[in-house]
Amino acid sequence: MTPSPATEVYIVDGSRTPLLKATGVPGPFSASDLAVNAARPLLARQPFPPAALDEVILGCIMPSAEEANIGRVVALRLGCGRKVPAWTVQRNCGSGMQAIDCAARNIQAGRADLVLAGGTEAMSHAPLLFSEKMAAWLGRLNGTRDLAGKLRVLAGFRPSLLRPVISLLRGLTDPVCGLNMGQTAEEVAHRFGIDREAMDEFAVRSHRRLIAAHDGGRLAEIEPLFDADGRYYDRDNGARADSSIDKLARLNPAFDREFGRVTAGNSSQITDGAAWVILAGPRAVDRHGLPVLARIVDCEWAGLNPRQMGLGPVHAMTPILQRRQLCPGDIDYWEINEAFAAQVLACLAAWRDADYCRGELGLESTVGDIDPDRLNVDGGAIALGHPVGTSGARIVLHLCHVLAQHGGQRGIASMCIGGGQGGAMLIERA
């Protein structure tokens, strides 16, 4: 293929599973199951066979031991054939969006014309691990050959060695700054004076908007799931119709018991789910007569202090607006992933804060306001859940539908990323 820097990149279709809230036991689907079930109906309705894809790119944070390079596992299960290469990306919360960005760059560079890209995560399947002390004890036992030696090792066993390590908690804790993601949300809430009532109010709105979207038939991107026992899933099951500020006010802080404001009720949920989009260049659109949902215009990745990773969207969205000479009023709809209510509200506050814009973003003035009626109009991760490897793909896919349903032209999808990063993508309805 001849490289063409001017090649346009289009999102031509997409789908996702309903997002299923974790209940304390492994859910009915593995990460690869979710990805396969989301992609099968998507590929079945295309005018090209799965083998016509140039590559498959999948974001995932914690595939199981049986799903090494889960992107390739899924591509083969989907019938793409041995000749279609597939790979997996990991950028924490931004993995699904990173997969889309990688696909877009390959199309722009002329290395691909037609790519399936997305994200998957089965957070309920995050394993319990042995501690290093237990692993060392097992190693000594396995390495000892004579009976007397094994008996000596066995005599050193203590029940405390069996205390499990919860891998999900480890994965949601930043190893550099030592804070878990909820504690970083407390940091940005304190920095911008976001109070508990504002967080809870934001959370209730997320639930109400998601329920209204389901009831109004605005989530056509969802493909139903059937588990091995014949149970049927066609809605995001984390939404609570009975959510209220009064009920949320009764919850205790989850990450700072004494002074905190971040609770389980105003945070995203632990959830399983998958989302995909099909990206195509102009040649593939013409060759297969593909419809176009949107055009990818720009993408940005940014880094910042890991202690305040929740402000990542601010650092990723601002350069896009500058490059494209846009202001917030030029963007019709926004999707900012709701890792925490505090985090989204802090992002909005940062763009209104002259000191932050000057000192952290290098701007001469504030960026301005985002209209709350154009932000996460169908709810977000507080109601939906945040399957980490999936969310970046989900918000891009849903933003395509929001623009089409409301007659919008431009939209930005953005998210904070554990480790002190942010990602943002600007799309336009074609």
Protein backbone atom coordinates (compact mmCIF):
# COMPACT_ATOMS: atom_id res chain seq x y z
CA MET A 1 0.00 0.00 0.00
CA THR A 2 1.28 3.48 -0.86
CA PRO A 3 1.58 5.76 2.22
CA SER A 4 -0.61 8.85 2.06
CA PRO A 5 -0.33 11.43 4.88
CA ALA A 6 -3.71 12.89 3.88
CA THR A 7 -5.59 9.59 4.21
CA GLU A 8 -8.84 10.06 6.09
CA VAL A 9 -9.80 7.54 8.77
CA TYR A 10 -13.45 6.68 9.22
CA ILE A 11 -15.39 4.81 11.89
CA VAL A 12 -17.87 2.82 9.83
CA ASP A 13 -19.58 0.68 12.47
CA GLY A 14 -19.23 -0.58 16.03
CA SER A 15 -20.82 -2.58 18.79
CA ARG A 16 -20.43 -3.42 22.45
CA THR A 17 -21.72 -5.80 25.06
CA PRO A 18 -23.92 -4.66 27.90
CA LEU A 19 -21.66 -3.82 30.82
CA LEU A 20 -22.14 -6.29 33.67
CA LYS A 21 -21.45 -5.23 37.24
CA ALA A 22 -19.15 -7.50 39.26
CA THR A 23 -20.93 -9.26 42.11
CA GLY A 24 -18.00 -10.66 44.10
CA VAL A 25 -17.63 -13.86 42.08
CA PRO A 26 -16.24 -14.39 38.56
CA GLY A 27 -18.79 -13.30 35.98
CA PRO A 28 -20.23 -15.56 33.28
CA PHE A 29 -17.84 -14.36 30.56
CA SER A 30 -14.08 -14.22 30.20
CA ALA A 31 -12.46 -11.21 28.52
CA SER A 32 -12.14 -13.09 25.22
CA ASP A 33 -15.75 -14.32 25.46
CA LEU A 34 -16.91 -10.72 25.82
CA ALA A 35 -14.84 -9.53 22.87
CA VAL A 36 -15.99 -12.38 20.64
CA ASN A 37 -19.66 -11.90 21.52
CA ALA A 38 -19.47 -8.18 20.82
CA ALA A 39 -17.71 -8.64 17.47
CA ARG A 40 -19.58 -11.57 15.94
CA PRO A 41 -22.81 -9.71 15.09
CA LEU A 42 -20.78 -6.67 14.09
CA LEU A 43 -18.76 -8.63 11.54
CA ALA A 44 -21.76 -10.70 10.42
CA ARG A 45 -23.55 -7.59 9.14
CA GLN A 46 -20.59 -6.32 7.11
CA PRO A 47 -20.37 -6.69 3.31
CA PHE A 48 -16.85 -8.12 3.66
CA PRO A 49 -15.65 -11.36 5.30
CA PRO A 50 -13.59 -11.24 8.53
CA ALA A 51 -10.55 -12.37 6.54
CA ALA A 52 -10.67 -9.05 4.63
CA LEU A 53 -9.50 -7.19 7.73
CA ASP A 54 -5.90 -5.98 7.61
CA GLU A 55 -5.45 -6.39 11.37
CA VAL A 56 -7.21 -6.68 14.72
CA ILE A 57 -6.10 -4.52 17.68
CA LEU A 58 -7.54 -5.06 21.15
CA GLY A 59 -6.96 -3.20 24.41
CA CYS A 60 -6.95 -5.27 27.59
CA ILE A 61 -5.33 -4.83 31.00
CA MET A 62 -5.64 -8.22 32.65
CA PRO A 63 -6.41 -11.11 30.31
CA SER A 64 -6.39 -14.52 31.94
CA ALA A 65 -3.44 -16.90 31.73
CA GLU A 66 -5.25 -18.68 28.89
CA GLU A 67 -5.57 -15.47 26.86
CA ALA A 68 -1.98 -14.43 26.15
CA ASN A 69 -2.05 -11.87 23.32
CA ILE A 70 -5.81 -11.83 23.68
CA GLY A 71 -6.18 -9.84 20.47
CA ARG A 72 -4.88 -12.80 18.47
CA VAL A 73 -6.99 -15.28 20.45
CA VAL A 74 -10.13 -13.28 19.68
CA ALA A 75 -9.26 -12.74 16.00
CA LEU A 76 -8.87 -16.48 15.46
CA ARG A 77 -12.10 -17.24 17.33
CA LEU A 78 -13.88 -14.72 15.11
CA GLY A 79 -12.79 -16.55 11.96
CA CYS A 80 -10.45 -13.84 10.70
CA GLY A 81 -8.06 -16.57 9.61
CA ARG A 82 -4.39 -17.19 10.21
CA LYS A 83 -3.21 -14.47 7.83
CA VAL A 84 -4.85 -11.54 9.67
CA PRO A 85 -2.36 -10.29 12.28
CA ALA A 86 -3.70 -9.32 15.69
CA TRP A 87 -2.16 -7.74 18.75
CA THR A 88 -2.96 -6.39 22.19
CA VAL A 89 -2.28 -2.94 23.66
CA GLN A 90 -2.12 -1.84 27.29
CA ARG A 91 -2.36 1.80 28.37
CA ASN A 92 -4.35 1.24 31.57
CA CYS A 93 -7.73 3.00 31.31
CA GLY A 94 -6.86 4.30 27.84
CA SER A 95 -6.24 0.90 26.24
CA GLY A 96 -9.43 0.77 24.16
CA MET A 97 -8.83 4.28 22.84
CA GLN A 98 -5.17 3.43 22.23
CA ALA A 99 -6.25 0.50 20.06
CA ILE A 100 -8.35 2.86 17.94
CA ASP A 101 -5.49 5.37 17.70
CA CYS A 102 -3.05 2.65 16.62
CA ALA A 103 -5.49 1.50 13.94
CA ALA A 104 -5.99 5.06 12.71
CA ARG A 105 -2.25 5.68 12.49
CA ASN A 106 -1.72 2.50 10.48
CA ILE A 107 -4.45 3.52 8.05
CA GLN A 108 -2.98 7.02 7.75
CA ALA A 109 0.45 5.54 7.09
CA GLY A 110 -0.89 3.32 4.32
CA ARG A 111 -0.15 0.08 6.17
CA ALA A 112 -3.82 -0.86 6.52
CA ASP A 113 -7.21 -0.05 5.02
CA LEU A 114 -9.64 -1.95 7.24
CA VAL A 115 -9.10 -2.59 10.96
CA LEU A 116 -11.15 -3.97 13.84
CA ALA A 117 -10.12 -2.16 17.04
CA GLY A 118 -11.52 -2.02 20.55
CA GLY A 119 -11.15 -3.14 24.13
CA THR A 120 -12.27 -5.83 26.52
CA GLU A 121 -12.06 -6.50 30.24
CA ALA A 122 -13.47 -9.06 32.66
CA MET A 123 -12.63 -7.35 35.93
CA SER A 124 -14.63 -9.88 37.92
CA HIS A 125 -12.10 -12.50 36.81
CA ALA A 126 -9.11 -10.66 38.29
CA PRO A 127 -7.22 -13.45 40.07
CA LEU A 128 -6.30 -13.89 43.71
CA LEU A 129 -2.54 -14.34 43.95
CA PHE A 130 -0.13 -15.97 46.34
CA SER A 131 2.21 -13.64 48.20
CA GLU A 132 5.94 -13.62 47.42
CA LYS A 133 6.56 -15.43 50.70
CA MET A 134 4.19 -18.22 49.70
CA ALA A 135 5.74 -18.45 46.25
CA ALA A 136 9.19 -18.71 47.85
CA TRP A 137 7.97 -21.46 50.21
CA LEU A 138 6.50 -23.43 47.30
CA GLY A 139 9.76 -22.98 45.41
CA ARG A 140 11.78 -24.38 48.29
CA LEU A 141 9.37 -27.31 48.64
CA ASN A 142 9.53 -28.08 44.92
CA GLY A 143 13.32 -27.74 44.85
CA THR A 144 13.98 -30.12 47.73
CA ARG A 145 14.50 -33.72 46.59
CA ASP A 146 14.93 -35.81 49.74
CA LEU A 147 12.14 -36.61 52.20
CA ALA A 148 13.94 -35.13 55.20
CA GLY A 149 14.40 -31.84 53.39
CA LYS A 150 10.75 -31.69 52.35
CA LEU A 151 9.70 -32.33 55.94
CA ARG A 152 11.87 -29.42 57.12
CA VAL A 153 10.27 -27.12 54.54
CA LEU A 154 6.79 -28.34 55.47
CA ALA A 155 7.54 -27.61 59.11
CA GLY A 156 8.08 -23.97 58.15
CA PHE A 157 4.59 -23.58 56.73
CA ARG A 158 2.38 -20.98 58.43
CA PRO A 159 -1.33 -20.40 57.70
CA SER A 160 -0.56 -16.71 57.14
CA LEU A 161 1.22 -17.71 53.92
CA LEU A 162 -2.20 -18.49 52.43
CA ARG A 163 -3.42 -14.91 52.80
CA PRO A 164 -4.34 -13.97 49.20
CA VAL A 165 -3.11 -10.93 47.30
CA ILE A 166 -6.05 -9.21 45.58
CA SER A 167 -4.62 -8.45 42.16
CA LEU A 168 -7.35 -5.95 41.29
CA LEU A 169 -6.47 -3.75 44.26
CA ARG A 170 -2.79 -3.98 43.38
CA GLY A 171 -3.54 -3.05 39.79
CA LEU A 172 -5.58 -0.01 40.83
CA THR A 173 -2.77 1.31 43.03
CA ASP A 174 -0.05 3.44 41.48
CA PRO A 175 3.35 1.92 42.37
CA VAL A 176 5.18 5.23 41.93
CA CYS A 177 3.11 7.58 44.09
CA GLY A 178 1.68 4.82 46.29
CA LEU A 179 -1.94 6.01 45.98
CA ASN A 180 -4.87 3.98 44.74
CA MET A 181 -7.11 5.57 42.14
CA GLY A 182 -9.72 6.60 44.71
CA GLN A 183 -7.08 8.43 46.71
CA THR A 184 -5.99 10.34 43.61
CA ALA A 185 -9.63 11.38 43.20
CA GLU A 186 -9.56 12.73 46.75
CA GLU A 187 -6.46 14.75 45.82
CA VAL A 188 -8.12 16.53 42.89
CA ALA A 189 -11.33 17.03 44.86
CA HIS A 190 -9.32 18.78 47.58
CA ARG A 191 -7.36 20.85 45.06
CA PHE A 192 -10.50 22.32 43.50
CA GLY A 193 -12.82 22.24 46.50
CA ILE A 194 -15.26 19.72 45.03
CA ASP A 195 -17.71 18.94 47.83
CA ARG A 196 -19.54 15.71 48.59
CA GLU A 197 -22.95 17.02 47.54
CA ALA A 198 -21.70 18.00 44.08
CA MET A 199 -20.19 14.54 43.61
CA ASP A 200 -23.35 12.75 44.66
CA GLU A 201 -25.49 15.00 42.50
CA PHE A 202 -23.28 14.19 39.51
CA ALA A 203 -23.58 10.46 40.27
CA VAL A 204 -27.39 10.54 40.45
CA ARG A 205 -27.51 12.35 37.13
CA SER A 206 -25.33 9.65 35.56
CA HIS A 207 -27.75 6.91 36.66
CA ARG A 208 -30.81 8.82 35.50
CA ARG A 209 -29.33 9.60 32.12
CA LEU A 210 -28.31 6.00 31.48
CA ILE A 211 -31.75 4.68 32.41
CA ALA A 212 -33.37 7.29 30.13
CA ALA A 213 -31.04 6.25 27.29
CA HIS A 214 -31.99 2.59 27.70
CA ASP A 215 -35.70 3.37 27.91
CA GLY A 216 -35.46 5.74 24.95
CA GLY A 217 -33.74 3.17 22.71
CA ARG A 218 -30.61 5.29 22.31
CA LEU A 219 -28.11 2.48 22.97
CA ALA A 220 -28.41 0.55 19.73
CA GLU A 221 -24.70 -0.25 19.86
CA ILE A 222 -25.37 -2.94 22.50
CA GLU A 223 -25.34 -6.58 21.33
CA PRO A 224 -27.13 -8.94 23.76
CA LEU A 225 -25.26 -11.72 25.54
CA PHE A 226 -26.30 -15.27 26.38
CA ASP A 227 -24.36 -17.19 29.02
CA ALA A 228 -23.81 -20.94 29.25
CA ASP A 229 -26.97 -21.33 31.34
CA GLY A 230 -29.15 -19.53 28.80
CA ARG A 231 -29.42 -16.28 30.77
CA TYR A 232 -29.94 -13.19 28.64
CA TYR A 233 -28.24 -9.81 29.10
CA ASP A 234 -29.32 -6.84 27.02
CA ARG A 235 -28.89 -3.86 29.39
CA ASP A 236 -26.11 -2.34 31.44
CA ASN A 237 -27.02 -3.73 34.84
CA GLY A 238 -25.22 -1.24 37.08
CA ALA A 239 -27.79 1.53 36.61
CA ARG A 240 -29.89 2.20 39.72
CA ALA A 241 -33.31 3.69 39.19
CA ASP A 242 -33.60 4.34 42.94
CA SER A 243 -30.39 6.34 43.18
CA SER A 244 -30.85 9.62 45.05
CA ILE A 245 -28.73 12.24 46.77
CA ASP A 246 -30.23 11.25 50.12
CA LYS A 247 -29.27 7.60 49.66
CA LEU A 248 -25.77 8.40 48.45
CA ALA A 249 -25.26 10.76 51.39
CA ARG A 250 -25.51 7.80 53.76
CA LEU A 251 -22.47 6.06 52.29
CA ASN A 252 -19.15 6.30 54.09
CA PRO A 253 -16.03 7.58 52.33
CA ALA A 254 -14.26 4.66 50.68
CA PHE A 255 -10.65 5.86 50.44
CA ASP A 256 -10.17 8.39 53.26
CA ARG A 257 -12.36 7.24 56.13
CA GLU A 258 -11.93 10.37 58.23
CA PHE A 259 -11.93 13.29 55.83
CA GLY A 260 -12.82 11.81 52.42
CA ARG A 261 -15.63 12.66 50.06
CA VAL A 262 -15.22 9.91 47.46
CA THR A 263 -17.58 6.96 48.05
CA ALA A 264 -18.56 3.79 46.22
CA GLY A 265 -21.68 5.66 45.11
CA ASN A 266 -19.88 8.49 43.32
CA SER A 267 -17.18 6.27 41.80
CA SER A 268 -17.23 4.02 38.75
CA GLN A 269 -18.18 0.38 39.21
CA ILE A 270 -16.09 -2.78 38.82
CA THR A 271 -17.52 -4.18 35.61
CA ASP A 272 -17.09 -6.63 32.70
CA GLY A 273 -17.61 -5.68 29.06
CA ALA A 274 -16.19 -5.23 25.56
CA ALA A 275 -16.51 -2.67 22.75
CA TRP A 276 -15.34 -2.52 19.12
CA VAL A 277 -15.25 -0.15 16.17
CA ILE A 278 -14.38 -0.86 12.56
CA LEU A 279 -12.05 1.72 11.04
CA ALA A 280 -11.59 2.15 7.31
CA GLY A 281 -9.69 4.31 4.89
CA PRO A 282 -11.32 5.82 1.78
CA ARG A 283 -10.33 2.87 -0.43
CA ALA A 284 -12.02 0.35 1.87
CA VAL A 285 -15.11 2.57 2.14
CA ASP A 286 -15.39 2.74 -1.64
CA ARG A 287 -14.48 -0.92 -2.24
CA HIS A 288 -17.11 -2.29 0.13
CA GLY A 289 -19.69 0.51 -0.02
CA LEU A 290 -19.41 1.14 3.71
CA PRO A 291 -21.51 3.69 5.61
CA VAL A 292 -19.59 6.21 7.70
CA LEU A 293 -20.43 7.05 11.30
CA ALA A 294 -17.66 9.58 11.89
CA ARG A 295 -14.20 10.72 10.92
CA ILE A 296 -11.26 10.67 13.32
CA VAL A 297 -9.75 14.15 13.28
CA ASP A 298 -7.15 14.19 16.05
CA CYS A 299 -5.87 12.30 19.07
CA GLU A 300 -3.65 13.33 21.98
CA TRP A 301 -1.90 11.55 24.86
CA ALA A 302 -0.59 13.53 27.82
CA GLY A 303 1.30 12.94 31.04
CA LEU A 304 0.96 14.61 34.45
CA ASN A 305 1.56 14.02 38.14
CA PRO A 306 0.35 10.47 38.97
CA ARG A 307 -1.09 11.80 42.26
CA GLN A 308 -3.55 13.86 40.21
CA MET A 309 -4.11 11.51 37.30
CA GLY A 310 -7.83 12.41 37.27
CA LEU A 311 -6.95 15.69 35.54
CA GLY A 312 -5.55 13.81 32.54
CA PRO A 313 -8.44 14.78 30.23
CA VAL A 314 -7.60 18.47 30.69
CA HIS A 315 -4.02 17.89 29.55
CA ALA A 316 -5.09 15.78 26.57
CA MET A 317 -8.05 17.84 25.34
CA THR A 318 -6.32 21.23 25.55
CA PRO A 319 -3.66 20.57 22.86
CA ILE A 320 -6.34 19.29 20.48
CA LEU A 321 -8.35 22.50 20.89
CA GLN A 322 -5.19 24.56 20.37
CA ARG A 323 -4.09 22.66 17.26
CA ARG A 324 -7.53 22.89 15.71
CA GLN A 325 -8.12 26.49 16.85
CA LEU A 326 -11.28 25.50 18.68
CA CYS A 327 -12.89 26.54 21.94
CA PRO A 328 -15.26 24.48 24.10
CA GLY A 329 -18.25 26.11 22.41
CA ASP A 330 -17.16 24.63 19.08
CA ILE A 331 -17.58 21.09 20.42
CA ASP A 332 -21.14 19.81 20.21
CA TYR A 333 -20.87 16.82 22.57
CA TRP A 334 -18.38 15.46 25.06
CA GLU A 335 -17.71 12.06 26.60
CA ILE A 336 -15.38 12.24 29.61
CA ASN A 337 -15.05 8.86 31.28
CA GLU A 338 -16.48 8.98 34.78
CA ALA A 339 -13.78 7.20 36.75
CA PHE A 340 -14.97 9.32 39.69
CA ALA A 341 -17.44 12.19 39.93
CA ALA A 342 -14.73 14.17 41.71
CA GLN A 343 -12.37 13.67 38.79
CA VAL A 344 -14.78 14.87 36.08
CA LEU A 345 -15.87 17.86 38.16
CA ALA A 346 -12.22 18.73 38.85
CA CYS A 347 -11.51 18.70 35.11
CA LEU A 348 -14.33 21.17 34.52
CA ALA A 349 -13.02 23.34 37.35
CA ALA A 350 -9.44 23.25 36.04
CA TRP A 351 -10.49 24.77 32.72
CA ARG A 352 -12.16 27.62 34.63
CA ASP A 353 -9.17 28.20 36.90
CA ALA A 354 -6.78 30.88 35.68
CA ASP A 355 -3.90 29.70 37.87
CA TYR A 356 -4.19 26.11 36.68
CA CYS A 357 -4.48 27.09 33.04
CA ARG A 358 -1.46 29.36 33.34
CA GLY A 359 0.76 27.23 35.55
CA GLU A 360 -0.08 23.70 34.38
CA LEU A 361 -1.26 24.18 30.80
CA GLY A 362 0.87 27.17 29.79
CA LEU A 363 -2.11 29.22 28.67
CA GLU A 364 -2.62 32.96 28.94
CA SER A 365 -6.28 32.65 29.88
CA THR A 366 -8.84 30.08 31.00
CA VAL A 367 -10.18 27.56 28.50
CA GLY A 368 -13.82 27.99 29.48
CA ASP A 369 -16.86 25.92 30.39
CA ILE A 370 -18.34 22.69 29.09
CA ASP A 371 -22.12 22.77 28.94
CA PRO A 372 -23.29 20.01 31.36
CA ASP A 373 -26.21 19.28 29.03
CA ARG A 374 -23.70 18.25 26.36
CA LEU A 375 -21.45 16.16 28.59
CA ASN A 376 -22.11 12.42 28.99
CA VAL A 377 -25.66 12.92 27.85
CA ASP A 378 -26.52 9.23 28.27
CA GLY A 379 -24.69 8.71 31.56
CA GLY A 380 -21.21 7.42 32.17
CA ALA A 381 -19.06 4.98 34.08
CA ILE A 382 -20.59 5.79 37.47
CA ALA A 383 -23.79 4.15 36.21
CA LEU A 384 -22.35 1.97 33.45
CA GLY A 385 -19.16 0.77 35.09
CA HIS A 386 -15.57 1.11 33.93
CA PRO A 387 -14.14 -2.13 32.48
CA VAL A 388 -10.69 -0.64 32.26
CA GLY A 389 -9.47 -1.91 28.90
CA THR A 390 -12.87 -1.29 27.30
CA SER A 391 -13.95 2.21 28.30
CA GLY A 392 -11.83 4.14 25.80
CA ALA A 393 -13.41 2.28 22.90
CA ARG A 394 -16.88 2.51 24.42
CA ILE A 395 -16.88 6.29 24.77
CA VAL A 396 -15.61 6.81 21.21
CA LEU A 397 -18.28 4.46 19.83
CA HIS A 398 -21.05 6.04 21.86
CA LEU A 399 -19.96 9.55 20.91
CA CYS A 400 -20.44 8.59 17.25
CA HIS A 401 -24.03 7.66 18.02
CA VAL A 402 -24.65 10.76 20.14
CA LEU A 403 -23.54 13.03 17.28
CA ALA A 404 -25.83 11.20 14.85
CA GLN A 405 -28.84 11.17 17.20
CA HIS A 406 -28.58 14.84 18.14
CA GLY A 407 -27.37 16.26 14.83
CA GLY A 408 -23.99 17.29 16.26
CA GLN A 409 -20.91 17.81 14.13
CA ARG A 410 -17.92 17.60 16.47
CA GLY A 411 -17.29 15.60 19.61
CA ILE A 412 -14.41 14.88 21.97
CA ALA A 413 -14.00 11.67 23.96
CA SER A 414 -11.50 11.79 26.80
CA MET A 415 -10.38 9.93 29.89
CA CYS A 416 -7.96 9.94 32.77
CA ILE A 417 -5.43 7.12 32.85
CA GLY A 418 -3.86 5.47 35.86
CA GLY A 419 -0.18 6.32 36.23
CA GLY A 420 -0.71 10.01 35.49
CA GLN A 421 -1.83 10.23 31.87
CA GLY A 422 -4.76 11.43 29.81
CA GLY A 423 -6.12 10.61 26.38
CA ALA A 424 -8.50 12.45 24.06
CA MET A 425 -9.90 11.93 20.59
CA LEU A 426 -11.68 14.46 18.38
CA ILE A 427 -14.18 13.07 15.89
CA GLU A 428 -16.49 14.68 13.36
CA ARG A 429 -19.71 13.33 11.91
CA ALA A 430 -19.12 12.65 8.22
